[in-house]
Amino acid sequence: MGLAVGDALGSPIEFEERDSYLPITQMRAGGPFNLEAGQWTDDTSLAMCMGKSLIELGAFDAGDIIRRFHQWFRNGYMSATGHCFDIGNTTKAALLRYEETGALFSGSPDDPATNGSLMRLAPVPLFFYDDLGKTIFYSGESSRITHAPKECIDACLGLALLIHKALAGFSKEEVLHYQKDELNICPEIENILLGSYRNKSRDEISAKGLASTCLEAALWSFYQTDNFNDGVLLAVNLGEDSDTTGAVYGQLAGAFYGHKNIRSDFIEQLWDKELLVSLALDLFNPYFYSGENPTVDLIVINPDDEVLMITRSRNSKACPGMLAFPGGFIDSKAKKGQSWVNGVETPREAALRELAEETNLQLDSKTELIPVGIYSGNNRDPRDSDYSWSKTYAFLFRMAREDYDKQKKHIVGLDDAEKAQWIKADELQAMKLAFDHNLILQDARKLI
């Protein structure tokens, strides 16, 4: 959704020299292709082609993807207007090669290193979210279909890594933190991921159509702002290749800030928004897979290095009478295949709610939680059936002295917790805890 919003906002000023136009503040009609307000261009069309392929085949198939790209090129498949009205030179050259040779990977390493594969990337990190290795590999493969220069491929690898971290719930600084050689990429793209954009002024940021400059412009816009809407307007108003700068920014910012934090008028005016939402839901559902029983755990540590633990009720079906972290199930009003944009909690939201329900410890909804890891395995919860795969999202929170002093008297065991108590972390490490909490505690203490 962020990709399409950025694309549609930027399209009216595509190809315009920076600041030679009335700044974009809302969806606007017009531009070089005389589009209606909210209509999107090739960025979104090609992303939808790739997304539909992933969903319908349940796998990455370069042959199916390039055939859909070609259908868009020749017949307007997945176009906002019913025909192909905007196509980059590198994409066009690759699709003409495909017509001539039938090669599934028709990009040439000798082509200009443009941004046409970066702009459509989002479906891959969404679809392969559960496997970072596949996310990175297939992001590169998705580029090679039409864009084979190393800078293009590596820009896709870098953006995929950042989107993955954003989807996993990391803070902005964690999302943007990149360690040298974390990916096997060229120096130009690695320099950008290491933060070349951080100290640049607007005048030093290029919004032309190269993969490298586009990635830098999108990250600069993301870094400079603290919400989706200011950032997307900052990105598209860089001008020149405005729709693609907006689309690349929108992919990362949409993953980070979430659908509900995109301006409602941007969403409402978006062309074919119902189709886009349906596509997004089918591509990505990180909490509810078939047969899965998703839960959360929250490791709360006070200033005295004590961990907040509950003693589970002796009537509990799962680990009765055992010590456990506060936590429980992620609530959902909808299962996979239904609309859950406004009907499912994120793991962070569930962790804070379960903490309050089991211990009466109230943390602000904006509280920063540190992701510890995702733990999964067959029958992790004894209530699961033989066919269930449990997944637990674990978070760490260290309480400040002031917050601890205010709330310590109010902490009590509630719901299915007979008792809530603080136990020294060193002592707790030697105890037998419920589920796989010993491992989670060990991992959490590494982060302190």
Protein backbone atom coordinates (compact mmCIF):
# COMPACT_ATOMS: atom_id res chain seq x y z
CA MET A 1 0.00 0.00 0.00
CA GLY A 2 2.89 2.32 0.75
CA LEU A 3 4.41 1.54 -2.64
CA ALA A 4 1.19 2.41 -4.49
CA VAL A 5 0.62 5.59 -2.47
CA GLY A 6 4.14 6.86 -3.16
CA ASP A 7 3.80 5.99 -6.85
CA ALA A 8 0.42 7.73 -7.23
CA LEU A 9 1.53 10.85 -5.33
CA GLY A 10 4.67 11.22 -7.42
CA SER A 11 3.22 10.53 -10.87
CA PRO A 12 1.84 14.08 -11.55
CA ILE A 13 5.34 15.60 -11.34
CA GLU A 14 7.31 12.72 -12.88
CA PHE A 15 10.24 13.99 -14.99
CA GLU A 16 9.87 17.54 -13.61
CA GLU A 17 12.95 19.44 -12.47
CA ARG A 18 13.06 19.80 -8.69
CA ASP A 19 10.97 22.67 -7.29
CA SER A 20 9.71 23.73 -10.74
CA TYR A 21 6.15 22.71 -9.79
CA LEU A 22 3.53 23.39 -7.14
CA PRO A 23 4.59 21.04 -4.31
CA ILE A 24 2.62 17.82 -3.94
CA THR A 25 0.55 17.79 -0.72
CA GLN A 26 -2.27 15.44 -1.77
CA MET A 27 -3.34 13.14 -4.59
CA ARG A 28 -3.43 15.15 -7.81
CA ALA A 29 -4.51 14.49 -11.39
CA GLY A 30 -2.42 15.26 -14.46
CA GLY A 31 1.26 14.71 -15.13
CA PRO A 32 2.96 13.44 -18.28
CA PHE A 33 0.39 10.64 -18.71
CA ASN A 34 -2.65 12.73 -17.72
CA LEU A 35 -3.68 10.31 -14.98
CA GLU A 36 -6.62 10.70 -12.63
CA ALA A 37 -5.88 11.48 -8.98
CA GLY A 38 -4.78 8.29 -7.22
CA GLN A 39 -3.85 6.36 -10.35
CA TRP A 40 -0.48 4.64 -10.24
CA THR A 41 2.13 3.84 -12.86
CA ASP A 42 4.42 0.99 -13.88
CA ASP A 43 5.95 0.74 -10.40
CA THR A 44 2.72 -0.59 -8.89
CA SER A 45 1.62 -2.50 -11.99
CA LEU A 46 4.81 -4.57 -12.07
CA ALA A 47 4.68 -5.15 -8.31
CA MET A 48 1.13 -6.45 -8.72
CA CYS A 49 2.21 -8.73 -11.58
CA MET A 50 4.89 -10.24 -9.36
CA GLY A 51 2.59 -10.42 -6.34
CA LYS A 52 -0.16 -12.22 -8.26
CA SER A 53 2.38 -14.73 -9.53
CA LEU A 54 3.72 -15.48 -6.04
CA ILE A 55 0.20 -15.93 -4.66
CA GLU A 56 -1.23 -18.04 -7.47
CA LEU A 57 1.79 -20.32 -7.85
CA GLY A 58 2.78 -20.34 -4.18
CA ALA A 59 6.42 -19.96 -5.19
CA PHE A 60 8.85 -17.75 -7.11
CA ASP A 61 8.67 -18.65 -10.82
CA ALA A 62 10.69 -16.36 -13.09
CA GLY A 63 8.91 -17.68 -16.19
CA ASP A 64 5.46 -16.87 -14.86
CA ILE A 65 6.59 -13.45 -13.61
CA ILE A 66 8.13 -12.37 -16.93
CA ARG A 67 5.07 -13.60 -18.82
CA ARG A 68 2.91 -11.36 -16.63
CA PHE A 69 5.31 -8.46 -17.16
CA HIS A 70 4.99 -9.08 -20.91
CA GLN A 71 1.19 -9.18 -20.67
CA TRP A 72 1.32 -5.80 -18.95
CA PHE A 73 3.68 -4.46 -21.64
CA ARG A 74 1.58 -5.62 -24.60
CA ASN A 75 -1.97 -5.86 -23.22
CA GLY A 76 -2.18 -3.63 -20.14
CA TYR A 77 -2.50 -6.46 -17.58
CA MET A 78 -2.58 -4.94 -14.08
CA SER A 79 -2.46 -1.39 -15.47
CA ALA A 80 -4.45 1.41 -13.85
CA THR A 81 -5.61 2.56 -17.30
CA GLY A 82 -5.90 -0.72 -19.19
CA HIS A 83 -2.77 -0.22 -21.23
CA CYS A 84 0.99 0.18 -20.72
CA PHE A 85 1.57 3.93 -20.73
CA ASP A 86 4.83 4.21 -18.74
CA ILE A 87 7.76 1.84 -19.13
CA GLY A 88 11.43 2.32 -18.30
CA ASN A 89 13.99 1.83 -21.04
CA THR A 90 15.76 -1.02 -19.20
CA THR A 91 12.50 -2.90 -18.60
CA LYS A 92 11.43 -2.39 -22.20
CA ALA A 93 14.76 -3.64 -23.52
CA ALA A 94 14.51 -6.77 -21.37
CA LEU A 95 10.96 -7.53 -22.48
CA LEU A 96 11.92 -7.10 -26.12
CA ARG A 97 14.76 -9.58 -25.54
CA TYR A 98 12.23 -11.94 -23.99
CA GLU A 99 10.10 -11.68 -27.14
CA GLU A 100 13.12 -12.54 -29.25
CA THR A 101 14.78 -15.26 -27.15
CA GLY A 102 12.29 -16.47 -24.53
CA ALA A 103 14.96 -16.03 -21.84
CA LEU A 104 13.35 -15.93 -18.40
CA PHE A 105 16.12 -13.71 -17.04
CA SER A 106 16.29 -11.15 -19.84
CA GLY A 107 18.13 -8.40 -18.02
CA SER A 108 21.61 -7.62 -19.32
CA PRO A 109 24.60 -6.76 -17.10
CA ASP A 110 25.48 -4.16 -19.74
CA ASP A 111 22.23 -2.22 -19.31
CA PRO A 112 22.20 1.04 -17.33
CA ALA A 113 21.84 0.38 -13.57
CA THR A 114 18.37 1.90 -13.29
CA ASN A 115 15.77 1.58 -10.54
CA GLY A 116 13.08 -0.43 -12.35
CA SER A 117 13.53 -3.59 -10.26
CA LEU A 118 13.84 -1.71 -6.97
CA MET A 119 10.50 0.04 -7.44
CA ARG A 120 8.48 -3.21 -7.61
CA LEU A 121 10.28 -5.28 -4.95
CA ALA A 122 7.81 -5.35 -2.02
CA PRO A 123 5.95 -8.61 -2.86
CA VAL A 124 9.13 -10.67 -2.43
CA PRO A 125 10.03 -9.67 1.18
CA LEU A 126 6.33 -9.91 2.05
CA PHE A 127 5.87 -13.39 0.60
CA PHE A 128 9.14 -14.81 1.95
CA TYR A 129 9.01 -12.99 5.30
CA ASP A 130 9.44 -16.19 7.32
CA ASP A 131 12.79 -16.97 5.68
CA LEU A 132 15.38 -14.17 5.44
CA GLY A 133 17.66 -16.31 3.27
CA LYS A 134 14.92 -16.78 0.68
CA THR A 135 13.95 -13.12 0.98
CA ILE A 136 17.46 -12.04 0.03
CA PHE A 137 17.96 -14.67 -2.69
CA TYR A 138 14.67 -14.14 -4.49
CA SER A 139 14.94 -10.36 -4.23
CA GLY A 140 18.08 -10.63 -6.32
CA GLU A 141 16.42 -13.08 -8.72
CA SER A 142 13.46 -10.73 -9.12
CA SER A 143 15.84 -8.03 -10.31
CA ARG A 144 17.65 -10.26 -12.82
CA ILE A 145 14.43 -10.84 -14.74
CA THR A 146 14.79 -7.34 -16.24
CA HIS A 147 17.67 -5.61 -14.42
CA ALA A 148 20.95 -7.54 -14.29
CA PRO A 149 23.60 -4.89 -13.42
CA LYS A 150 25.09 -5.66 -10.02
CA GLU A 151 24.05 -2.27 -8.62
CA CYS A 152 20.40 -3.08 -9.43
CA ILE A 153 20.54 -6.53 -7.86
CA ASP A 154 22.41 -5.29 -4.79
CA ALA A 155 20.02 -2.37 -4.27
CA CYS A 156 17.18 -4.92 -4.17
CA LEU A 157 19.08 -7.05 -1.64
CA GLY A 158 19.63 -4.02 0.60
CA LEU A 159 16.03 -2.80 0.44
CA ALA A 160 14.74 -6.33 1.06
CA LEU A 161 16.84 -6.61 4.23
CA LEU A 162 15.50 -3.29 5.54
CA ILE A 163 11.89 -4.18 4.72
CA HIS A 164 12.33 -7.52 6.49
CA LYS A 165 13.58 -5.79 9.64
CA ALA A 166 10.76 -3.25 9.48
CA LEU A 167 8.17 -6.03 9.21
CA ALA A 168 9.80 -7.79 12.17
CA GLY A 169 9.08 -4.77 14.39
CA PHE A 170 12.55 -3.31 14.85
CA SER A 171 13.04 0.36 15.79
CA LYS A 172 13.98 2.79 13.03
CA GLU A 173 17.59 2.91 14.17
CA GLU A 174 17.71 -0.89 14.18
CA VAL A 175 16.14 -1.06 10.72
CA LEU A 176 18.72 1.36 9.32
CA HIS A 177 21.66 -0.15 11.19
CA TYR A 178 23.76 -2.05 8.67
CA GLN A 179 27.07 -3.74 9.42
CA LYS A 180 29.82 -3.80 6.84
CA ASP A 181 29.78 -7.01 4.78
CA GLU A 182 26.38 -8.02 6.18
CA LEU A 183 25.46 -8.63 2.55
CA ASN A 184 27.75 -9.53 -0.34
CA ILE A 185 27.14 -6.34 -2.31
CA CYS A 186 29.05 -3.77 -4.31
CA PRO A 187 30.76 -0.85 -2.51
CA GLU A 188 28.39 1.76 -3.96
CA ILE A 189 25.25 0.16 -2.49
CA GLU A 190 27.02 -0.85 0.73
CA ASN A 191 28.12 2.75 1.28
CA ILE A 192 24.48 3.84 1.09
CA LEU A 193 23.35 1.18 3.56
CA LEU A 194 26.17 2.24 5.89
CA GLY A 195 24.58 5.69 6.03
CA SER A 196 25.88 7.93 3.24
CA TYR A 197 22.47 9.66 3.25
CA ARG A 198 22.51 10.62 6.93
CA ASN A 199 24.53 13.83 6.67
CA LYS A 200 23.47 14.95 3.19
CA SER A 201 21.38 18.02 2.49
CA ARG A 202 18.38 17.96 0.16
CA ASP A 203 20.49 19.53 -2.58
CA GLU A 204 22.97 16.66 -2.30
CA ILE A 205 20.29 14.00 -2.82
CA SER A 206 19.63 12.95 -6.42
CA ALA A 207 16.20 11.73 -7.51
CA LYS A 208 17.23 10.58 -10.96
CA GLY A 209 16.49 7.07 -12.14
CA LEU A 210 19.53 5.09 -11.03
CA ALA A 211 19.12 2.24 -8.55
CA SER A 212 21.80 3.65 -6.25
CA THR A 213 20.57 7.25 -6.15
CA CYS A 214 16.94 6.13 -5.83
CA LEU A 215 17.76 3.92 -2.84
CA GLU A 216 19.70 6.75 -1.22
CA ALA A 217 16.88 9.27 -1.81
CA ALA A 218 14.30 6.89 -0.31
CA LEU A 219 16.44 6.16 2.77
CA TRP A 220 17.18 9.88 3.19
CA SER A 221 13.44 10.64 3.22
CA PHE A 222 12.79 7.81 5.68
CA TYR A 223 15.62 8.95 7.96
CA GLN A 224 14.64 12.62 7.90
CA THR A 225 11.03 12.12 9.04
CA ASP A 226 9.15 10.37 11.83
CA ASN A 227 5.92 9.39 10.07
CA PHE A 228 4.86 7.90 6.74
CA ASN A 229 3.03 10.95 5.42
CA ASP A 230 5.70 13.62 5.87
CA GLY A 231 8.28 11.21 4.49
CA VAL A 232 6.38 10.31 1.34
CA LEU A 233 5.78 13.99 0.53
CA LEU A 234 9.44 14.73 1.14
CA ALA A 235 10.38 11.88 -1.20
CA VAL A 236 8.10 12.71 -4.13
CA ASN A 237 8.85 16.43 -3.95
CA LEU A 238 12.47 15.66 -4.79
CA GLY A 239 11.10 15.70 -8.35
CA GLU A 240 12.63 14.02 -11.41
CA ASP A 241 11.85 10.29 -11.01
CA SER A 242 9.34 11.27 -8.35
CA ASP A 243 6.94 8.34 -8.62
CA THR A 244 9.70 5.77 -8.17
CA THR A 245 11.37 7.63 -5.30
CA GLY A 246 7.93 7.67 -3.67
CA ALA A 247 7.35 3.98 -4.41
CA VAL A 248 10.70 2.88 -2.97
CA TYR A 249 10.26 5.07 0.12
CA GLY A 250 6.68 3.78 0.41
CA GLN A 251 7.74 0.15 0.49
CA LEU A 252 10.04 0.61 3.48
CA ALA A 253 7.94 3.21 5.29
CA GLY A 254 4.73 1.24 4.74
CA ALA A 255 6.35 -1.82 6.27
CA PHE A 256 7.67 0.23 9.19
CA TYR A 257 4.72 2.52 10.05
CA GLY A 258 1.90 0.21 8.98
CA HIS A 259 -1.24 0.59 6.91
CA LYS A 260 -3.19 2.42 9.62
CA ASN A 261 -0.63 5.24 9.75
CA ILE A 262 -0.95 6.15 6.08
CA ARG A 263 -3.16 9.21 5.63
CA SER A 264 -6.76 8.12 5.10
CA ASP A 265 -7.24 10.39 2.07
CA PHE A 266 -4.18 8.83 0.42
CA ILE A 267 -5.73 5.38 0.85
CA GLU A 268 -9.28 6.38 -0.07
CA GLN A 269 -8.24 8.04 -3.35
CA LEU A 270 -5.92 5.21 -4.35
CA TRP A 271 -6.95 3.55 -7.59
CA ASP A 272 -8.22 -0.04 -7.16
CA LYS A 273 -7.47 0.07 -3.43
CA GLU A 274 -9.61 -3.00 -2.72
CA LEU A 275 -7.54 -5.08 -5.13
CA LEU A 276 -4.32 -3.75 -3.58
CA VAL A 277 -5.46 -4.57 -0.04
CA SER A 278 -6.55 -8.07 -1.08
CA LEU A 279 -3.19 -8.65 -2.77
CA ALA A 280 -1.29 -7.43 0.29
CA LEU A 281 -3.27 -9.70 2.62
CA ASP A 282 -2.71 -12.74 0.45
CA LEU A 283 1.02 -12.01 0.25
CA PHE A 284 1.66 -11.36 3.90
CA ASN A 285 0.18 -12.72 7.08
CA PRO A 286 3.00 -13.12 9.58
CA TYR A 287 0.91 -14.17 12.57
CA PHE A 288 -1.68 -16.63 11.28
CA TYR A 289 -0.60 -19.50 9.09
CA SER A 290 -2.58 -22.70 8.63
CA GLY A 291 -2.52 -24.70 11.84
CA GLU A 292 -0.40 -22.18 13.68
CA ASN A 293 -0.92 -21.05 17.25
CA PRO A 294 0.81 -17.63 17.55
CA THR A 295 1.76 -16.29 20.98
CA VAL A 296 3.95 -13.64 22.61
CA ASP A 297 6.26 -13.53 25.63
CA LEU A 298 7.55 -10.39 27.35
CA ILE A 299 10.70 -10.40 29.47
CA VAL A 300 10.45 -7.40 31.81
CA ILE A 301 13.59 -6.59 33.81
CA ASN A 302 13.59 -4.02 36.62
CA PRO A 303 16.52 -1.77 37.68
CA ASP A 304 17.65 -4.41 40.19
CA ASP A 305 18.16 -7.02 37.47
CA GLU A 306 15.03 -8.93 38.48
CA VAL A 307 12.70 -10.50 35.94
CA LEU A 308 8.93 -10.31 36.24
CA MET A 309 7.54 -13.86 36.28
CA ILE A 310 4.11 -15.37 36.71
CA THR A 311 3.19 -18.70 38.24
CA ARG A 312 0.66 -20.30 35.93
CA SER A 313 -2.61 -21.48 37.45
CA ARG A 314 -2.67 -25.10 38.58
CA ASN A 315 -5.85 -25.46 36.53
CA SER A 316 -4.10 -24.35 33.38
CA LYS A 317 -3.96 -26.88 30.54
CA ALA A 318 -0.52 -25.60 29.55
CA CYS A 319 2.34 -26.05 32.04
CA PRO A 320 0.18 -25.79 35.21
CA GLY A 321 1.95 -24.37 38.26
CA MET A 322 5.14 -23.53 36.35
CA LEU A 323 7.06 -20.26 36.17
CA ALA A 324 6.60 -18.39 32.91
CA PHE A 325 6.98 -14.98 31.34
CA PRO A 326 3.83 -12.87 31.03
CA GLY A 327 2.34 -13.49 27.62
CA GLY A 328 -0.28 -15.31 25.68
CA PHE A 329 -2.10 -15.51 22.41
CA ILE A 330 -2.20 -12.87 19.68
CA ASP A 331 -5.88 -11.98 19.34
CA SER A 332 -7.45 -12.14 15.91
CA LYS A 333 -10.95 -11.44 14.70
CA ALA A 334 -10.05 -12.91 11.34
CA LYS A 335 -8.03 -15.81 10.04
CA LYS A 336 -5.93 -16.11 6.90
CA GLY A 337 -7.88 -15.32 3.76
CA GLN A 338 -10.06 -12.71 5.45
CA SER A 339 -9.49 -9.02 5.99
CA TRP A 340 -7.52 -8.47 9.21
CA VAL A 341 -6.03 -5.01 8.66
CA ASN A 342 -8.14 -3.69 11.53
CA GLY A 343 -8.81 -7.06 13.12
CA VAL A 344 -5.52 -8.50 14.35
CA GLU A 345 -2.96 -7.41 16.90
CA THR A 346 0.69 -7.05 16.16
CA PRO A 347 2.97 -9.08 18.46
CA ARG A 348 4.01 -5.85 20.23
CA GLU A 349 0.39 -4.92 20.93
CA ALA A 350 -0.37 -8.42 22.18
CA ALA A 351 2.68 -8.43 24.47
CA LEU A 352 1.66 -5.16 26.15
CA ARG A 353 -1.97 -6.27 26.50
CA GLU A 354 -1.07 -9.68 27.95
CA LEU A 355 1.34 -8.05 30.39
CA ALA A 356 -1.43 -5.84 31.77
CA GLU A 357 -3.97 -8.69 31.87
CA GLU A 358 -1.67 -11.08 33.73
CA THR A 359 0.29 -8.76 36.04
CA ASN A 360 -1.53 -5.39 36.08
CA LEU A 361 1.68 -3.74 34.82
CA GLN A 362 0.52 -0.99 32.50
CA LEU A 363 2.95 0.20 29.83
CA ASP A 364 2.25 2.91 27.28
CA SER A 365 1.19 1.69 23.85
CA LYS A 366 4.23 3.49 22.40
CA THR A 367 6.66 1.67 24.71
CA GLU A 368 9.73 0.50 22.81
CA LEU A 369 10.19 -3.26 23.10
CA ILE A 370 13.38 -4.99 22.00
CA PRO A 371 12.74 -8.04 19.77
CA VAL A 372 14.52 -11.07 21.23
CA GLY A 373 13.56 -13.59 18.58
CA ILE A 374 10.90 -15.81 17.08
CA TYR A 375 10.68 -19.29 18.60
CA SER A 376 8.74 -22.07 16.95
CA GLY A 377 8.28 -25.81 17.04
CA ASN A 378 5.72 -28.56 16.90
CA ASN A 379 3.55 -28.80 20.01
CA ARG A 380 5.40 -26.07 21.90
CA ASP A 381 2.09 -25.50 23.68
CA PRO A 382 0.59 -28.77 25.03
CA ARG A 383 -2.83 -27.58 23.88
CA ASP A 384 -1.73 -27.81 20.25
CA SER A 385 -2.83 -30.68 18.08
CA ASP A 386 -0.41 -33.05 16.39
CA TYR A 387 -0.59 -30.88 13.29
CA SER A 388 -0.04 -27.50 14.90
CA TRP A 389 3.07 -25.38 14.58
CA SER A 390 3.45 -22.89 17.41
CA LYS A 391 5.28 -19.64 16.97
CA THR A 392 6.17 -17.24 19.79
CA TYR A 393 7.40 -13.68 19.39
CA ALA A 394 9.58 -12.75 22.38
CA PHE A 395 10.33 -9.16 23.46
CA LEU A 396 12.50 -7.57 26.14
CA PHE A 397 11.71 -4.46 28.17
CA ARG A 398 13.94 -2.92 30.85
CA MET A 399 12.02 -0.69 33.26
CA ALA A 400 13.42 2.65 34.30
CA ARG A 401 13.70 3.24 38.04
CA GLU A 402 10.95 5.88 38.02
CA ASP A 403 8.46 3.62 36.22
CA TYR A 404 9.33 0.69 38.46
CA ASP A 405 8.86 2.67 41.67
CA LYS A 406 5.47 3.92 40.49
CA GLN A 407 4.05 0.54 39.58
CA LYS A 408 5.72 -2.11 41.74
CA LYS A 409 3.01 -1.98 44.42
CA HIS A 410 0.27 -2.65 41.87
CA ILE A 411 1.75 -5.77 40.33
CA VAL A 412 -0.31 -8.88 41.05
CA GLY A 413 -1.14 -12.18 39.39
CA LEU A 414 -4.30 -11.94 37.27
CA ASP A 415 -6.17 -14.01 34.68
CA ASP A 416 -4.50 -17.48 34.56
CA ALA A 417 -1.54 -16.32 36.69
CA GLU A 418 -1.77 -17.36 40.37
CA LYS A 419 1.13 -15.08 41.28
CA ALA A 420 3.34 -12.35 39.80
CA GLN A 421 6.79 -11.94 41.30
CA TRP A 422 10.26 -10.54 40.62
CA ILE A 423 13.12 -13.06 40.54
CA LYS A 424 16.81 -12.29 40.18
CA ALA A 425 17.90 -13.01 36.61
CA ASP A 426 20.89 -15.07 37.78
CA GLU A 427 18.67 -17.23 39.98
CA LEU A 428 16.04 -17.59 37.29
CA GLN A 429 18.59 -18.85 34.81
CA ALA A 430 19.09 -21.97 36.96
CA MET A 431 15.36 -22.73 37.36
CA LYS A 432 13.20 -24.89 35.12
CA LEU A 433 10.77 -22.61 33.33
CA ALA A 434 7.69 -23.31 31.24
CA PHE A 435 7.95 -23.94 27.49
CA ASP A 436 11.34 -22.81 26.08
CA HIS A 437 11.65 -19.81 28.40
CA ASN A 438 15.13 -20.77 29.58
CA LEU A 439 16.43 -20.34 26.05
CA ILE A 440 14.52 -17.08 25.57
CA LEU A 441 15.91 -15.70 28.84
CA GLN A 442 19.43 -16.63 27.80
CA ASP A 443 18.97 -14.86 24.46
CA ALA A 444 17.37 -11.83 26.12
CA ARG A 445 20.24 -11.34 28.56
CA LYS A 446 22.64 -11.08 25.63
CA LEU A 447 20.82 -7.92 24.55
CA ILE A 448 21.20 -6.09 27.88
